[in-house]
Amino acid sequence: MFEDGTEAIKIINMIVKRYKQSIVAAQIYNAIKYIVRAPFKNGVKDLKKAKESINFAIKFWDDKEMEYENDR
């Protein structure tokens, strides 16, 4: 929870629902979760997990765009 009382999960859900691909959405969800909790829990370890999630989301997104372009 943030100082103003906002729950992180509400913010994460608002962001994630904008992604069309569920696999990308799940990875973005994980990345944000790790970024938010890093200063309170596992520090750099959580930031590295966030980076892995973002890299996976980017790779999946790029692969899907390549499939779309090849289908044309």
PDB file of N, CA and C in Angstrom:
ATOM      1  N   MET A   1       0.848  -1.176   0.000  1.00  0.00           N
ATOM      2  CA  MET A   1       0.000   0.000   0.000  1.00  0.00           C
ATOM      3  C   MET A   1       0.895   1.241   0.000  1.00  0.00           C
ATOM      4  N   PHE A   2       0.481   2.245  -0.761  1.00  0.00           N
ATOM      5  CA  PHE A   2       1.226   3.494  -0.827  1.00  0.00           C
ATOM      6  C   PHE A   2       0.804   4.426   0.308  1.00  0.00           C
ATOM      7  N   GLU A   3       1.581   5.482   0.516  1.00  0.00           N
ATOM      8  CA  GLU A   3       1.304   6.410   1.610  1.00  0.00           C
ATOM      9  C   GLU A   3      -0.098   7.003   1.556  1.00  0.00           C
ATOM     10  N   ASP A   4      -0.621   7.197   0.337  1.00  0.00           N
ATOM     11  CA  ASP A   4      -1.951   7.804   0.209  1.00  0.00           C
ATOM     12  C   ASP A   4      -3.079   6.785   0.365  1.00  0.00           C
ATOM     13  N   GLY A   5      -2.720   5.524   0.668  1.00  0.00           N
ATOM     14  CA  GLY A   5      -3.724   4.493   0.875  1.00  0.00           C
ATOM     15  C   GLY A   5      -4.050   3.672  -0.356  1.00  0.00           C
ATOM     16  N   THR A   6      -3.493   4.048  -1.492  1.00  0.00           N
ATOM     17  CA  THR A   6      -3.745   3.307  -2.721  1.00  0.00           C
ATOM     18  C   THR A   6      -3.064   1.946  -2.640  1.00  0.00           C
ATOM     19  N   GLU A   7      -3.799   0.912  -3.009  1.00  0.00           N
ATOM     20  CA  GLU A   7      -3.221  -0.422  -3.013  1.00  0.00           C
ATOM     21  C   GLU A   7      -2.508  -0.664  -4.340  1.00  0.00           C
ATOM     22  N   ALA A   8      -1.323  -1.221  -4.259  1.00  0.00           N
ATOM     23  CA  ALA A   8      -0.528  -1.493  -5.461  1.00  0.00           C
ATOM     24  C   ALA A   8      -1.289  -2.373  -6.440  1.00  0.00           C
ATOM     25  N   ILE A   9      -2.042  -3.333  -5.934  1.00  0.00           N
ATOM     26  CA  ILE A   9      -2.766  -4.261  -6.805  1.00  0.00           C
ATOM     27  C   ILE A   9      -3.760  -3.528  -7.700  1.00  0.00           C
ATOM     28  N   LYS A  10      -4.368  -2.469  -7.197  1.00  0.00           N
ATOM     29  CA  LYS A  10      -5.321  -1.703  -8.010  1.00  0.00           C
ATOM     30  C   LYS A  10      -4.608  -1.008  -9.167  1.00  0.00           C
ATOM     31  N   ILE A  11      -3.457  -0.453  -8.885  1.00  0.00           N
ATOM     32  CA  ILE A  11      -2.678   0.223  -9.928  1.00  0.00           C
ATOM     33  C   ILE A  11      -2.196  -0.798 -10.960  1.00  0.00           C
ATOM     34  N   ILE A  12      -1.688  -1.925 -10.475  1.00  0.00           N
ATOM     35  CA  ILE A  12      -1.204  -2.966 -11.385  1.00  0.00           C
ATOM     36  C   ILE A  12      -2.325  -3.433 -12.301  1.00  0.00           C
ATOM     37  N   ASN A  13      -3.488  -3.694 -11.741  1.00  0.00           N
ATOM     38  CA  ASN A  13      -4.619  -4.170 -12.549  1.00  0.00           C
ATOM     39  C   ASN A  13      -5.065  -3.139 -13.577  1.00  0.00           C
ATOM     40  N   MET A  14      -5.023  -1.850 -13.224  1.00  0.00           N
ATOM     41  CA  MET A  14      -5.395  -0.802 -14.184  1.00  0.00           C
ATOM     42  C   MET A  14      -4.443  -0.805 -15.377  1.00  0.00           C
ATOM     43  N   ILE A  15      -3.180  -1.040 -15.122  1.00  0.00           N
ATOM     44  CA  ILE A  15      -2.181  -1.048 -16.191  1.00  0.00           C
ATOM     45  C   ILE A  15      -2.282  -2.321 -17.021  1.00  0.00           C
ATOM     46  N   VAL A  16      -2.343  -3.457 -16.353  1.00  0.00           N
ATOM     47  CA  VAL A  16      -2.292  -4.755 -17.028  1.00  0.00           C
ATOM     48  C   VAL A  16      -3.485  -4.987 -17.945  1.00  0.00           C
ATOM     49  N   LYS A  17      -4.640  -4.487 -17.584  1.00  0.00           N
ATOM     50  CA  LYS A  17      -5.826  -4.759 -18.403  1.00  0.00           C
ATOM     51  C   LYS A  17      -5.749  -4.122 -19.792  1.00  0.00           C
ATOM     52  N   ARG A  18      -4.799  -3.251 -20.007  1.00  0.00           N
ATOM     53  CA  ARG A  18      -4.632  -2.609 -21.313  1.00  0.00           C
ATOM     54  C   ARG A  18      -3.866  -3.487 -22.312  1.00  0.00           C
ATOM     55  N   TYR A  19      -3.252  -4.547 -21.836  1.00  0.00           N
ATOM     56  CA  TYR A  19      -2.506  -5.448 -22.715  1.00  0.00           C
ATOM     57  C   TYR A  19      -3.447  -6.483 -23.313  1.00  0.00           C
ATOM     58  N   LYS A  20      -3.336  -6.686 -24.623  1.00  0.00           N
ATOM     59  CA  LYS A  20      -4.226  -7.611 -25.327  1.00  0.00           C
ATOM     60  C   LYS A  20      -3.818  -9.069 -25.127  1.00  0.00           C
ATOM     61  N   GLN A  21      -2.534  -9.318 -25.054  1.00  0.00           N
ATOM     62  CA  GLN A  21      -2.035 -10.691 -24.943  1.00  0.00           C
ATOM     63  C   GLN A  21      -1.880 -11.060 -23.467  1.00  0.00           C
ATOM     64  N   SER A  22      -2.540 -12.131 -23.063  1.00  0.00           N
ATOM     65  CA  SER A  22      -2.541 -12.507 -21.646  1.00  0.00           C
ATOM     66  C   SER A  22      -1.147 -12.864 -21.133  1.00  0.00           C
ATOM     67  N   ILE A  23      -0.311 -13.453 -21.977  1.00  0.00           N
ATOM     68  CA  ILE A  23       1.045 -13.800 -21.534  1.00  0.00           C
ATOM     69  C   ILE A  23       1.848 -12.533 -21.263  1.00  0.00           C
ATOM     70  N   VAL A  24       1.725 -11.545 -22.124  1.00  0.00           N
ATOM     71  CA  VAL A  24       2.409 -10.266 -21.914  1.00  0.00           C
ATOM     72  C   VAL A  24       1.860  -9.597 -20.658  1.00  0.00           C
ATOM     73  N   ALA A  25       0.549  -9.595 -20.504  1.00  0.00           N
ATOM     74  CA  ALA A  25      -0.078  -8.979 -19.328  1.00  0.00           C
ATOM     75  C   ALA A  25       0.432  -9.622 -18.041  1.00  0.00           C
ATOM     76  N   ALA A  26       0.535 -10.935 -18.030  1.00  0.00           N
ATOM     77  CA  ALA A  26       1.011 -11.639 -16.834  1.00  0.00           C
ATOM     78  C   ALA A  26       2.447 -11.252 -16.497  1.00  0.00           C
ATOM     79  N   GLN A  27       3.284 -11.124 -17.513  1.00  0.00           N
ATOM     80  CA  GLN A  27       4.681 -10.759 -17.275  1.00  0.00           C
ATOM     81  C   GLN A  27       4.810  -9.307 -16.803  1.00  0.00           C
ATOM     82  N   ILE A  28       3.999  -8.420 -17.361  1.00  0.00           N
ATOM     83  CA  ILE A  28       4.008  -7.022 -16.920  1.00  0.00           C
ATOM     84  C   ILE A  28       3.518  -6.930 -15.479  1.00  0.00           C
ATOM     85  N   TYR A  29       2.482  -7.705 -15.159  1.00  0.00           N
ATOM     86  CA  TYR A  29       1.973  -7.771 -13.784  1.00  0.00           C
ATOM     87  C   TYR A  29       3.113  -8.155 -12.835  1.00  0.00           C
ATOM     88  N   ASN A  30       3.824  -9.229 -13.179  1.00  0.00           N
ATOM     89  CA  ASN A  30       4.927  -9.678 -12.331  1.00  0.00           C
ATOM     90  C   ASN A  30       6.010  -8.619 -12.209  1.00  0.00           C
ATOM     91  N   ALA A  31       6.359  -7.985 -13.314  1.00  0.00           N
ATOM     92  CA  ALA A  31       7.411  -6.966 -13.294  1.00  0.00           C
ATOM     93  C   ALA A  31       7.050  -5.818 -12.358  1.00  0.00           C
ATOM     94  N   ILE A  32       5.828  -5.325 -12.471  1.00  0.00           N
ATOM     95  CA  ILE A  32       5.409  -4.206 -11.617  1.00  0.00           C
ATOM     96  C   ILE A  32       5.394  -4.637 -10.157  1.00  0.00           C
ATOM     97  N   LYS A  33       4.899  -5.844  -9.908  1.00  0.00           N
ATOM     98  CA  LYS A  33       4.863  -6.375  -8.540  1.00  0.00           C
ATOM     99  C   LYS A  33       6.267  -6.388  -7.936  1.00  0.00           C
ATOM    100  N   TYR A  34       7.232  -6.897  -8.695  1.00  0.00           N
ATOM    101  CA  TYR A  34       8.604  -6.960  -8.188  1.00  0.00           C
ATOM    102  C   TYR A  34       9.204  -5.572  -7.990  1.00  0.00           C
ATOM    103  N   ILE A  35       8.915  -4.649  -8.880  1.00  0.00           N
ATOM    104  CA  ILE A  35       9.437  -3.285  -8.748  1.00  0.00           C
ATOM    105  C   ILE A  35       8.879  -2.615  -7.498  1.00  0.00           C
ATOM    106  N   VAL A  36       7.585  -2.784  -7.268  1.00  0.00           N
ATOM    107  CA  VAL A  36       6.942  -2.147  -6.112  1.00  0.00           C
ATOM    108  C   VAL A  36       7.466  -2.728  -4.804  1.00  0.00           C
ATOM    109  N   ARG A  37       7.686  -4.021  -4.759  1.00  0.00           N
ATOM    110  CA  ARG A  37       8.090  -4.634  -3.493  1.00  0.00           C
ATOM    111  C   ARG A  37       9.596  -4.605  -3.239  1.00  0.00           C
ATOM    112  N   ALA A  38      10.397  -4.317  -4.261  1.00  0.00           N
ATOM    113  CA  ALA A  38      11.859  -4.373  -4.136  1.00  0.00           C
ATOM    114  C   ALA A  38      12.415  -3.615  -2.929  1.00  0.00           C
ATOM    115  N   PRO A  39      11.996  -2.365  -2.694  1.00  0.00           N
ATOM    116  CA  PRO A  39      12.606  -1.649  -1.571  1.00  0.00           C
ATOM    117  C   PRO A  39      12.220  -2.212  -0.200  1.00  0.00           C
ATOM    118  N   PHE A  40      11.175  -3.024  -0.154  1.00  0.00           N
ATOM    119  CA  PHE A  40      10.685  -3.540   1.120  1.00  0.00           C
ATOM    120  C   PHE A  40      11.070  -4.994   1.374  1.00  0.00           C
ATOM    121  N   LYS A  41      11.436  -5.716   0.309  1.00  0.00           N
ATOM    122  CA  LYS A  41      11.632  -7.150   0.469  1.00  0.00           C
ATOM    123  C   LYS A  41      13.019  -7.605   0.015  1.00  0.00           C
ATOM    124  N   ASN A  42      13.213  -7.813  -1.274  1.00  0.00           N
ATOM    125  CA  ASN A  42      14.447  -8.450  -1.747  1.00  0.00           C
ATOM    126  C   ASN A  42      15.368  -7.551  -2.568  1.00  0.00           C
ATOM    127  N   GLY A  43      15.095  -6.264  -2.610  1.00  0.00           N
ATOM    128  CA  GLY A  43      15.986  -5.318  -3.265  1.00  0.00           C
ATOM    129  C   GLY A  43      16.336  -5.658  -4.700  1.00  0.00           C
ATOM    130  N   VAL A  44      17.631  -5.724  -4.976  1.00  0.00           N
ATOM    131  CA  VAL A  44      18.130  -5.948  -6.333  1.00  0.00           C
ATOM    132  C   VAL A  44      17.625  -7.273  -6.900  1.00  0.00           C
ATOM    133  N   LYS A  45      17.479  -8.282  -6.054  1.00  0.00           N
ATOM    134  CA  LYS A  45      16.970  -9.581  -6.519  1.00  0.00           C
ATOM    135  C   LYS A  45      15.593  -9.409  -7.159  1.00  0.00           C
ATOM    136  N   ASP A  46      14.722  -8.613  -6.532  1.00  0.00           N
ATOM    137  CA  ASP A  46      13.395  -8.356  -7.103  1.00  0.00           C
ATOM    138  C   ASP A  46      13.489  -7.546  -8.392  1.00  0.00           C
ATOM    139  N   LEU A  47      14.409  -6.594  -8.450  1.00  0.00           N
ATOM    140  CA  LEU A  47      14.570  -5.811  -9.677  1.00  0.00           C
ATOM    141  C   LEU A  47      15.056  -6.691 -10.830  1.00  0.00           C
ATOM    142  N   LYS A  48      15.906  -7.649 -10.528  1.00  0.00           N
ATOM    143  CA  LYS A  48      16.359  -8.584 -11.565  1.00  0.00           C
ATOM    144  C   LYS A  48      15.205  -9.459 -12.051  1.00  0.00           C
ATOM    145  N   LYS A  49      14.337  -9.871 -11.130  1.00  0.00           N
ATOM    146  CA  LYS A  49      13.156 -10.647 -11.526  1.00  0.00           C
ATOM    147  C   LYS A  49      12.238  -9.802 -12.405  1.00  0.00           C
ATOM    148  N   ALA A  50      12.096  -8.522 -12.062  1.00  0.00           N
ATOM    149  CA  ALA A  50      11.276  -7.615 -12.875  1.00  0.00           C
ATOM    150  C   ALA A  50      11.859  -7.497 -14.278  1.00  0.00           C
ATOM    151  N   LYS A  51      13.165  -7.373 -14.348  1.00  0.00           N
ATOM    152  CA  LYS A  51      13.843  -7.276 -15.648  1.00  0.00           C
ATOM    153  C   LYS A  51      13.610  -8.533 -16.481  1.00  0.00           C
ATOM    154  N   GLU A  52      13.698  -9.700 -15.856  1.00  0.00           N
ATOM    155  CA  GLU A  52      13.442 -10.960 -16.564  1.00  0.00           C
ATOM    156  C   GLU A  52      12.015 -10.994 -17.111  1.00  0.00           C
ATOM    157  N   SER A  53      11.065 -10.553 -16.299  1.00  0.00           N
ATOM    158  CA  SER A  53       9.663 -10.545 -16.734  1.00  0.00           C
ATOM    159  C   SER A  53       9.459  -9.600 -17.909  1.00  0.00           C
ATOM    160  N   ILE A  54      10.072  -8.433 -17.841  1.00  0.00           N
ATOM    161  CA  ILE A  54       9.945  -7.466 -18.936  1.00  0.00           C
ATOM    162  C   ILE A  54      10.605  -8.015 -20.205  1.00  0.00           C
ATOM    163  N   ASN A  55      11.784  -8.602 -20.061  1.00  0.00           N
ATOM    164  CA  ASN A  55      12.461  -9.180 -21.229  1.00  0.00           C
ATOM    165  C   ASN A  55      11.630 -10.285 -21.866  1.00  0.00           C
ATOM    166  N   PHE A  56      10.994 -11.115 -21.042  1.00  0.00           N
ATOM    167  CA  PHE A  56      10.133 -12.169 -21.574  1.00  0.00           C
ATOM    168  C   PHE A  56       8.951 -11.564 -22.319  1.00  0.00           C
ATOM    169  N   ALA A  57       8.335 -10.527 -21.736  1.00  0.00           N
ATOM    170  CA  ALA A  57       7.195  -9.864 -22.380  1.00  0.00           C
ATOM    171  C   ALA A  57       7.605  -9.266 -23.724  1.00  0.00           C
ATOM    172  N   ILE A  58       8.770  -8.636 -23.768  1.00  0.00           N
ATOM    173  CA  ILE A  58       9.258  -8.037 -25.015  1.00  0.00           C
ATOM    174  C   ILE A  58       9.494  -9.117 -26.067  1.00  0.00           C
ATOM    175  N   LYS A  59      10.136 -10.205 -25.680  1.00  0.00           N
ATOM    176  CA  LYS A  59      10.415 -11.284 -26.632  1.00  0.00           C
ATOM    177  C   LYS A  59       9.113 -11.870 -27.168  1.00  0.00           C
ATOM    178  N   PHE A  60       8.162 -12.140 -26.291  1.00  0.00           N
ATOM    179  CA  PHE A  60       6.889 -12.707 -26.735  1.00  0.00           C
ATOM    180  C   PHE A  60       6.178 -11.739 -27.667  1.00  0.00           C
ATOM    181  N   TRP A  61       6.155 -10.458 -27.309  1.00  0.00           N
ATOM    182  CA  TRP A  61       5.495  -9.436 -28.124  1.00  0.00           C
ATOM    183  C   TRP A  61       6.159  -9.352 -29.499  1.00  0.00           C
ATOM    184  N   ASP A  62       7.493  -9.305 -29.512  1.00  0.00           N
ATOM    185  CA  ASP A  62       8.228  -9.260 -30.785  1.00  0.00           C
ATOM    186  C   ASP A  62       7.935 -10.486 -31.643  1.00  0.00           C
ATOM    187  N   ASP A  63       7.928 -11.658 -31.020  1.00  0.00           N
ATOM    188  CA  ASP A  63       7.639 -12.896 -31.757  1.00  0.00           C
ATOM    189  C   ASP A  63       6.241 -12.852 -32.358  1.00  0.00           C
ATOM    190  N   LYS A  64       5.271 -12.354 -31.615  1.00  0.00           N
ATOM    191  CA  LYS A  64       3.895 -12.269 -32.111  1.00  0.00           C
ATOM    192  C   LYS A  64       3.803 -11.280 -33.268  1.00  0.00           C
ATOM    193  N   GLU A  65       4.526 -10.162 -33.186  1.00  0.00           N
ATOM    194  CA  GLU A  65       4.516  -9.191 -34.283  1.00  0.00           C
ATOM    195  C   GLU A  65       5.146  -9.792 -35.532  1.00  0.00           C
ATOM    196  N   MET A  66       6.182 -10.595 -35.351  1.00  0.00           N
ATOM    197  CA  MET A  66       6.818 -11.255 -36.494  1.00  0.00           C
ATOM    198  C   MET A  66       5.844 -12.240 -37.139  1.00  0.00           C
ATOM    199  N   GLU A  67       5.088 -12.984 -36.319  1.00  0.00           N
ATOM    200  CA  GLU A  67       4.091 -13.912 -36.854  1.00  0.00           C
ATOM    201  C   GLU A  67       3.048 -13.152 -37.661  1.00  0.00           C
ATOM    202  N   TYR A  68       2.616 -12.005 -37.129  1.00  0.00           N
ATOM    203  CA  TYR A  68       1.600 -11.198 -37.804  1.00  0.00           C
ATOM    204  C   TYR A  68       2.122 -10.708 -39.155  1.00  0.00           C
ATOM    205  N   GLU A  69       3.360 -10.234 -39.175  1.00  0.00           N
ATOM    206  CA  GLU A  69       3.944  -9.735 -40.422  1.00  0.00           C
ATOM    207  C   GLU A  69       4.118 -10.859 -41.436  1.00  0.00           C
ATOM    208  N   ASN A  70       4.448 -12.056 -40.976  1.00  0.00           N
ATOM    209  CA  ASN A  70       4.627 -13.193 -41.884  1.00  0.00           C
ATOM    210  C   ASN A  70       3.298 -13.704 -42.435  1.00  0.00           C
ATOM    211  N   ASP A  71       2.204 -13.440 -41.727  1.00  0.00           N
ATOM    212  CA  ASP A  71       0.876 -13.873 -42.173  1.00  0.00           C
ATOM    213  C   ASP A  71       0.313 -12.980 -43.270  1.00  0.00           C
ATOM    214  N   ARG A  72       0.902 -11.831 -43.471  1.00  0.00           N
ATOM    215  CA  ARG A  72       0.383 -10.886 -44.469  1.00  0.00           C
ATOM    216  C   ARG A  72       0.621 -11.371 -45.861  1.00  0.00           C
TER     217      ARG A  72
END
